Amino acid sequence: MNVNLADAEWFKSSRSQGGSECVEVAFLNGGHVGVRDSKNPTSPALVFTPGEWSAFVTHTRAGEFGHQ
């Protein structure tokens, strides 16, 4: 998938509390979602389709990715 990230508006979660070890998210054209490391914003970003992002958010909210 080739998505242009040049105009992406990246943001951190309001729960990040200003820490330096966060991810940033950008909502992109076509419903895609970009995710990148806030410590290295010029590194490659992950890009999710709308369905992939929806599944990730759903499973995260359900606590399926918690530490064990």
PDB file of N, CA and C in Angstrom:
ATOM      1  N   MET A   1       0.848  -1.161   0.000  1.00  0.00           N
ATOM      2  CA  MET A   1       0.000   0.000   0.000  1.00  0.00           C
ATOM      3  C   MET A   1       0.902   1.235   0.000  1.00  0.00           C
ATOM      4  N   ASN A   2       0.616   2.158  -0.872  1.00  0.00           N
ATOM      5  CA  ASN A   2       1.398   3.383  -0.975  1.00  0.00           C
ATOM      6  C   ASN A   2       0.497   4.564  -0.621  1.00  0.00           C
ATOM      7  N   VAL A   3       0.710   5.141   0.555  1.00  0.00           N
ATOM      8  CA  VAL A   3      -0.098   6.258   1.033  1.00  0.00           C
ATOM      9  C   VAL A   3       0.821   7.445   1.265  1.00  0.00           C
ATOM     10  N   ASN A   4       0.428   8.602   0.768  1.00  0.00           N
ATOM     11  CA  ASN A   4       1.221   9.814   0.930  1.00  0.00           C
ATOM     12  C   ASN A   4       1.040  10.361   2.348  1.00  0.00           C
ATOM     13  N   LEU A   5       2.137  10.477   3.092  1.00  0.00           N
ATOM     14  CA  LEU A   5       2.093  10.965   4.475  1.00  0.00           C
ATOM     15  C   LEU A   5       2.550  12.420   4.595  1.00  0.00           C
ATOM     16  N   ALA A   6       2.827  13.078   3.460  1.00  0.00           N
ATOM     17  CA  ALA A   6       3.380  14.426   3.480  1.00  0.00           C
ATOM     18  C   ALA A   6       2.489  15.426   4.210  1.00  0.00           C
ATOM     19  N   ASP A   7       1.192  15.322   4.068  1.00  0.00           N
ATOM     20  CA  ASP A   7       0.268  16.273   4.689  1.00  0.00           C
ATOM     21  C   ASP A   7      -0.398  15.723   5.943  1.00  0.00           C
ATOM     22  N   ALA A   8       0.109  14.619   6.457  1.00  0.00           N
ATOM     23  CA  ALA A   8      -0.512  13.999   7.637  1.00  0.00           C
ATOM     24  C   ALA A   8      -0.401  14.926   8.843  1.00  0.00           C
ATOM     25  N   GLU A   9      -1.450  14.980   9.628  1.00  0.00           N
ATOM     26  CA  GLU A   9      -1.467  15.756  10.866  1.00  0.00           C
ATOM     27  C   GLU A   9      -1.381  14.777  12.025  1.00  0.00           C
ATOM     28  N   TRP A  10      -0.183  14.603  12.570  1.00  0.00           N
ATOM     29  CA  TRP A  10       0.103  13.623  13.604  1.00  0.00           C
ATOM     30  C   TRP A  10      -0.288  14.164  14.975  1.00  0.00           C
ATOM     31  N   PHE A  11      -0.780  13.286  15.831  1.00  0.00           N
ATOM     32  CA  PHE A  11      -1.113  13.679  17.196  1.00  0.00           C
ATOM     33  C   PHE A  11      -0.847  12.521  18.143  1.00  0.00           C
ATOM     34  N   LYS A  12      -0.637  12.870  19.414  1.00  0.00           N
ATOM     35  CA  LYS A  12      -0.459  11.871  20.471  1.00  0.00           C
ATOM     36  C   LYS A  12      -1.763  11.744  21.238  1.00  0.00           C
ATOM     37  N   SER A  13      -1.941  10.636  21.885  1.00  0.00           N
ATOM     38  CA  SER A  13      -3.099  10.433  22.736  1.00  0.00           C
ATOM     39  C   SER A  13      -3.120  11.465  23.854  1.00  0.00           C
ATOM     40  N   SER A  14      -4.308  11.868  24.250  1.00  0.00           N
ATOM     41  CA  SER A  14      -4.422  12.789  25.386  1.00  0.00           C
ATOM     42  C   SER A  14      -3.969  12.118  26.678  1.00  0.00           C
ATOM     43  N   ARG A  15      -3.857  10.804  26.673  1.00  0.00           N
ATOM     44  CA  ARG A  15      -3.394  10.053  27.843  1.00  0.00           C
ATOM     45  C   ARG A  15      -1.883   9.882  27.886  1.00  0.00           C
ATOM     46  N   SER A  16      -1.183  10.433  26.914  1.00  0.00           N
ATOM     47  CA  SER A  16       0.273  10.245  26.859  1.00  0.00           C
ATOM     48  C   SER A  16       1.002  11.039  27.933  1.00  0.00           C
ATOM     49  N   GLN A  17       0.386  12.033  28.502  1.00  0.00           N
ATOM     50  CA  GLN A  17       0.935  12.844  29.589  1.00  0.00           C
ATOM     51  C   GLN A  17       2.271  13.479  29.219  1.00  0.00           C
ATOM     52  N   GLY A  18       2.466  13.773  27.948  1.00  0.00           N
ATOM     53  CA  GLY A  18       3.667  14.472  27.519  1.00  0.00           C
ATOM     54  C   GLY A  18       4.935  13.653  27.540  1.00  0.00           C
ATOM     55  N   GLY A  19       4.825  12.361  27.734  1.00  0.00           N
ATOM     56  CA  GLY A  19       6.006  11.504  27.758  1.00  0.00           C
ATOM     57  C   GLY A  19       6.658  11.416  26.396  1.00  0.00           C
ATOM     58  N   SER A  20       7.902  10.991  26.379  1.00  0.00           N
ATOM     59  CA  SER A  20       8.626  10.902  25.115  1.00  0.00           C
ATOM     60  C   SER A  20       8.523   9.524  24.474  1.00  0.00           C
ATOM     61  N   GLU A  21       7.942   8.579  25.158  1.00  0.00           N
ATOM     62  CA  GLU A  21       7.840   7.228  24.608  1.00  0.00           C
ATOM     63  C   GLU A  21       6.402   6.945  24.208  1.00  0.00           C
ATOM     64  N   CYS A  22       5.987   7.600  23.141  1.00  0.00           N
ATOM     65  CA  CYS A  22       4.604   7.501  22.688  1.00  0.00           C
ATOM     66  C   CYS A  22       4.578   7.159  21.205  1.00  0.00           C
ATOM     67  N   VAL A  23       3.428   6.815  20.751  1.00  0.00           N
ATOM     68  CA  VAL A  23       3.193   6.716  19.321  1.00  0.00           C
ATOM     69  C   VAL A  23       2.328   7.895  18.920  1.00  0.00           C
ATOM     70  N   GLU A  24       2.425   8.262  17.665  1.00  0.00           N
ATOM     71  CA  GLU A  24       1.591   9.307  17.105  1.00  0.00           C
ATOM     72  C   GLU A  24       0.713   8.681  16.042  1.00  0.00           C
ATOM     73  N   VAL A  25      -0.471   9.225  15.897  1.00  0.00           N
ATOM     74  CA  VAL A  25      -1.460   8.697  14.955  1.00  0.00           C
ATOM     75  C   VAL A  25      -1.876   9.816  14.018  1.00  0.00           C
ATOM     76  N   ALA A  26      -2.181   9.470  12.778  1.00  0.00           N
ATOM     77  CA  ALA A  26      -2.718  10.425  11.810  1.00  0.00           C
ATOM     78  C   ALA A  26      -3.837   9.749  11.040  1.00  0.00           C
ATOM     79  N   PHE A  27      -4.958  10.433  10.910  1.00  0.00           N
ATOM     80  CA  PHE A  27      -6.049   9.940  10.083  1.00  0.00           C
ATOM     81  C   PHE A  27      -5.802  10.426   8.663  1.00  0.00           C
ATOM     82  N   LEU A  28      -5.727   9.494   7.730  1.00  0.00           N
ATOM     83  CA  LEU A  28      -5.301   9.765   6.363  1.00  0.00           C
ATOM     84  C   LEU A  28      -6.456   9.646   5.382  1.00  0.00           C
ATOM     85  N   ASN A  29      -6.200  10.027   4.145  1.00  0.00           N
ATOM     86  CA  ASN A  29      -7.209   9.902   3.088  1.00  0.00           C
ATOM     87  C   ASN A  29      -7.660   8.458   2.921  1.00  0.00           C
ATOM     88  N   GLY A  30      -8.889   8.293   2.546  1.00  0.00           N
ATOM     89  CA  GLY A  30      -9.422   6.959   2.295  1.00  0.00           C
ATOM     90  C   GLY A  30      -9.689   6.170   3.558  1.00  0.00           C
ATOM     91  N   GLY A  31      -9.667   6.831   4.713  1.00  0.00           N
ATOM     92  CA  GLY A  31      -9.933   6.149   5.969  1.00  0.00           C
ATOM     93  C   GLY A  31      -8.737   5.431   6.562  1.00  0.00           C
ATOM     94  N   HIS A  32      -7.591   5.494   5.883  1.00  0.00           N
ATOM     95  CA  HIS A  32      -6.385   4.852   6.417  1.00  0.00           C
ATOM     96  C   HIS A  32      -5.912   5.577   7.674  1.00  0.00           C
ATOM     97  N   VAL A  33      -5.138   4.861   8.490  1.00  0.00           N
ATOM     98  CA  VAL A  33      -4.605   5.433   9.720  1.00  0.00           C
ATOM     99  C   VAL A  33      -3.110   5.154   9.770  1.00  0.00           C
ATOM    100  N   GLY A  34      -2.337   6.211  10.001  1.00  0.00           N
ATOM    101  CA  GLY A  34      -0.892   6.076  10.128  1.00  0.00           C
ATOM    102  C   GLY A  34      -0.500   6.062  11.595  1.00  0.00           C
ATOM    103  N   VAL A  35       0.534   5.288  11.917  1.00  0.00           N
ATOM    104  CA  VAL A  35       1.063   5.214  13.279  1.00  0.00           C
ATOM    105  C   VAL A  35       2.586   5.282  13.175  1.00  0.00           C
ATOM    106  N   ARG A  36       3.190   6.150  14.008  1.00  0.00           N
ATOM    107  CA  ARG A  36       4.651   6.271  13.984  1.00  0.00           C
ATOM    108  C   ARG A  36       5.182   6.473  15.404  1.00  0.00           C
ATOM    109  N   ASP A  37       6.476   6.286  15.546  1.00  0.00           N
ATOM    110  CA  ASP A  37       7.175   6.454  16.811  1.00  0.00           C
ATOM    111  C   ASP A  37       7.439   7.943  17.024  1.00  0.00           C
ATOM    112  N   SER A  38       6.956   8.502  18.126  1.00  0.00           N
ATOM    113  CA  SER A  38       7.128   9.936  18.364  1.00  0.00           C
ATOM    114  C   SER A  38       8.587  10.321  18.581  1.00  0.00           C
ATOM    115  N   LYS A  39       9.423   9.376  19.004  1.00  0.00           N
ATOM    116  CA  LYS A  39      10.842   9.670  19.218  1.00  0.00           C
ATOM    117  C   LYS A  39      11.606   9.764  17.907  1.00  0.00           C
ATOM    118  N   ASN A  40      11.058   9.187  16.848  1.00  0.00           N
ATOM    119  CA  ASN A  40      11.740   9.166  15.562  1.00  0.00           C
ATOM    120  C   ASN A  40      10.717   9.422  14.450  1.00  0.00           C
ATOM    121  N   PRO A  41      10.227  10.653  14.346  1.00  0.00           N
ATOM    122  CA  PRO A  41       9.145  10.938  13.401  1.00  0.00           C
ATOM    123  C   PRO A  41       9.525  10.816  11.931  1.00  0.00           C
ATOM    124  N   THR A  42      10.804  10.752  11.617  1.00  0.00           N
ATOM    125  CA  THR A  42      11.194  10.595  10.214  1.00  0.00           C
ATOM    126  C   THR A  42      11.343   9.130   9.809  1.00  0.00           C
ATOM    127  N   SER A  43      11.208   8.232  10.764  1.00  0.00           N
ATOM    128  CA  SER A  43      11.289   6.803  10.434  1.00  0.00           C
ATOM    129  C   SER A  43      10.002   6.382   9.732  1.00  0.00           C
ATOM    130  N   PRO A  44       9.998   5.226   9.091  1.00  0.00           N
ATOM    131  CA  PRO A  44       8.785   4.765   8.411  1.00  0.00           C
ATOM    132  C   PRO A  44       7.602   4.631   9.373  1.00  0.00           C
ATOM    133  N   ALA A  45       6.429   4.879   8.854  1.00  0.00           N
ATOM    134  CA  ALA A  45       5.204   4.745   9.637  1.00  0.00           C
ATOM    135  C   ALA A  45       4.467   3.482   9.204  1.00  0.00           C
ATOM    136  N   LEU A  46       3.699   2.938  10.119  1.00  0.00           N
ATOM    137  CA  LEU A  46       2.788   1.850   9.779  1.00  0.00           C
ATOM    138  C   LEU A  46       1.500   2.481   9.271  1.00  0.00           C
ATOM    139  N   VAL A  47       0.900   1.887   8.254  1.00  0.00           N
ATOM    140  CA  VAL A  47      -0.373   2.390   7.727  1.00  0.00           C
ATOM    141  C   VAL A  47      -1.374   1.249   7.746  1.00  0.00           C
ATOM    142  N   PHE A  48      -2.503   1.505   8.377  1.00  0.00           N
ATOM    143  CA  PHE A  48      -3.565   0.512   8.518  1.00  0.00           C
ATOM    144  C   PHE A  48      -4.755   0.872   7.652  1.00  0.00           C
ATOM    145  N   THR A  49      -5.409  -0.137   7.109  1.00  0.00           N
ATOM    146  CA  THR A  49      -6.666   0.086   6.405  1.00  0.00           C
ATOM    147  C   THR A  49      -7.739   0.398   7.444  1.00  0.00           C
ATOM    148  N   PRO A  50      -8.881   0.932   7.004  1.00  0.00           N
ATOM    149  CA  PRO A  50      -9.947   1.200   7.975  1.00  0.00           C
ATOM    150  C   PRO A  50     -10.369  -0.045   8.762  1.00  0.00           C
ATOM    151  N   GLY A  51     -10.463  -1.180   8.111  1.00  0.00           N
ATOM    152  CA  GLY A  51     -10.856  -2.420   8.789  1.00  0.00           C
ATOM    153  C   GLY A  51      -9.818  -2.892   9.791  1.00  0.00           C
ATOM    154  N   GLU A  52      -8.551  -2.785   9.432  1.00  0.00           N
ATOM    155  CA  GLU A  52      -7.476  -3.176  10.350  1.00  0.00           C
ATOM    156  C   GLU A  52      -7.466  -2.287  11.585  1.00  0.00           C
ATOM    157  N   TRP A  53      -7.622  -0.979  11.382  1.00  0.00           N
ATOM    158  CA  TRP A  53      -7.611  -0.049  12.514  1.00  0.00           C
ATOM    159  C   TRP A  53      -8.810  -0.293  13.420  1.00  0.00           C
ATOM    160  N   SER A  54      -9.968  -0.524  12.827  1.00  0.00           N
ATOM    161  CA  SER A  54     -11.170  -0.792  13.611  1.00  0.00           C
ATOM    162  C   SER A  54     -10.993  -2.042  14.466  1.00  0.00           C
ATOM    163  N   ALA A  55     -10.434  -3.091  13.884  1.00  0.00           N
ATOM    164  CA  ALA A  55     -10.197  -4.325  14.640  1.00  0.00           C
ATOM    165  C   ALA A  55      -9.205  -4.086  15.770  1.00  0.00           C
ATOM    166  N   PHE A  56      -8.144  -3.336  15.512  1.00  0.00           N
ATOM    167  CA  PHE A  56      -7.153  -3.038  16.542  1.00  0.00           C
ATOM    168  C   PHE A  56      -7.793  -2.278  17.702  1.00  0.00           C
ATOM    169  N   VAL A  57      -8.544  -1.250  17.398  1.00  0.00           N
ATOM    170  CA  VAL A  57      -9.189  -0.444  18.448  1.00  0.00           C
ATOM    171  C   VAL A  57     -10.188  -1.293  19.233  1.00  0.00           C
ATOM    172  N   THR A  58     -10.976  -2.086  18.545  1.00  0.00           N
ATOM    173  CA  THR A  58     -11.964  -2.936  19.210  1.00  0.00           C
ATOM    174  C   THR A  58     -11.299  -3.902  20.172  1.00  0.00           C
ATOM    175  N   HIS A  59     -10.256  -4.582  19.733  1.00  0.00           N
ATOM    176  CA  HIS A  59      -9.576  -5.567  20.576  1.00  0.00           C
ATOM    177  C   HIS A  59      -8.794  -4.912  21.713  1.00  0.00           C
ATOM    178  N   THR A  60      -8.271  -3.710  21.458  1.00  0.00           N
ATOM    179  CA  THR A  60      -7.577  -2.977  22.518  1.00  0.00           C
ATOM    180  C   THR A  60      -8.549  -2.584  23.612  1.00  0.00           C
ATOM    181  N   ARG A  61      -9.687  -2.060  23.224  1.00  0.00           N
ATOM    182  CA  ARG A  61     -10.695  -1.658  24.217  1.00  0.00           C
ATOM    183  C   ARG A  61     -11.200  -2.850  25.017  1.00  0.00           C
ATOM    184  N   ALA A  62     -11.199  -4.013  24.412  1.00  0.00           N
ATOM    185  CA  ALA A  62     -11.651  -5.233  25.096  1.00  0.00           C
ATOM    186  C   ALA A  62     -10.558  -5.803  25.999  1.00  0.00           C
ATOM    187  N   GLY A  63      -9.382  -5.177  26.008  1.00  0.00           N
ATOM    188  CA  GLY A  63      -8.296  -5.624  26.872  1.00  0.00           C
ATOM    189  C   GLY A  63      -7.551  -6.827  26.366  1.00  0.00           C
ATOM    190  N   GLU A  64      -7.669  -7.132  25.094  1.00  0.00           N
ATOM    191  CA  GLU A  64      -7.050  -8.344  24.549  1.00  0.00           C
ATOM    192  C   GLU A  64      -5.548  -8.225  24.345  1.00  0.00           C
ATOM    193  N   PHE A  65      -4.991  -7.021  24.468  1.00  0.00           N
ATOM    194  CA  PHE A  65      -3.559  -6.841  24.267  1.00  0.00           C
ATOM    195  C   PHE A  65      -2.856  -6.497  25.562  1.00  0.00           C
ATOM    196  N   GLY A  66      -3.466  -6.790  26.690  1.00  0.00           N
ATOM    197  CA  GLY A  66      -2.874  -6.461  27.981  1.00  0.00           C
ATOM    198  C   GLY A  66      -1.656  -7.307  28.301  1.00  0.00           C
ATOM    199  N   HIS A  67      -0.835  -6.807  29.204  1.00  0.00           N
ATOM    200  CA  HIS A  67       0.344  -7.558  29.646  1.00  0.00           C
ATOM    201  C   HIS A  67      -0.105  -8.736  30.487  1.00  0.00           C
ATOM    202  N   GLN A  68       0.617  -9.828  30.333  1.00  0.00           N
ATOM    203  CA  GLN A  68       0.266 -11.021  31.104  1.00  0.00           C
ATOM    204  C   GLN A  68       1.432 -11.453  31.951  1.00  0.00           C
TER     205      GLN A  68
END
